[in-house]
């Protein structure tokens, strides 16, 4: 019924399942960003379930985990990359004179990511 009709508009599944793992060169800009984002996201966590806390409200946190990153890999799908590249060309083609400046809300956050 409806499910089959909705699935019929999707590309064959094999296009989306064609993925490759690509090792990022250690020290490359992309590798550095991924490592920084991962390591900065590690935080304290609860040492037990809140419902098992002996003295509510629960304030018992375990220390941050210590993580050592051995490698960073990029999951790449050639088909989706082609779709992305085509969309990028459409956007660039419709803005031949360039795009306007981003609002300060975005630029100040982008600068923080570059640090």
Foldseek 3Di string as FASTA:
>chain_A
DVVVVVVVVDDDPVLVVPKDKAWDDPPDPVNVLVVVVVVVPFAWAAPDDCVPDPDPPDPHTDGTDDDDDPTDIDIDRVNVVVVVVVVVCVVCVVPVVDDDDDPPVVVVVVVVSVD
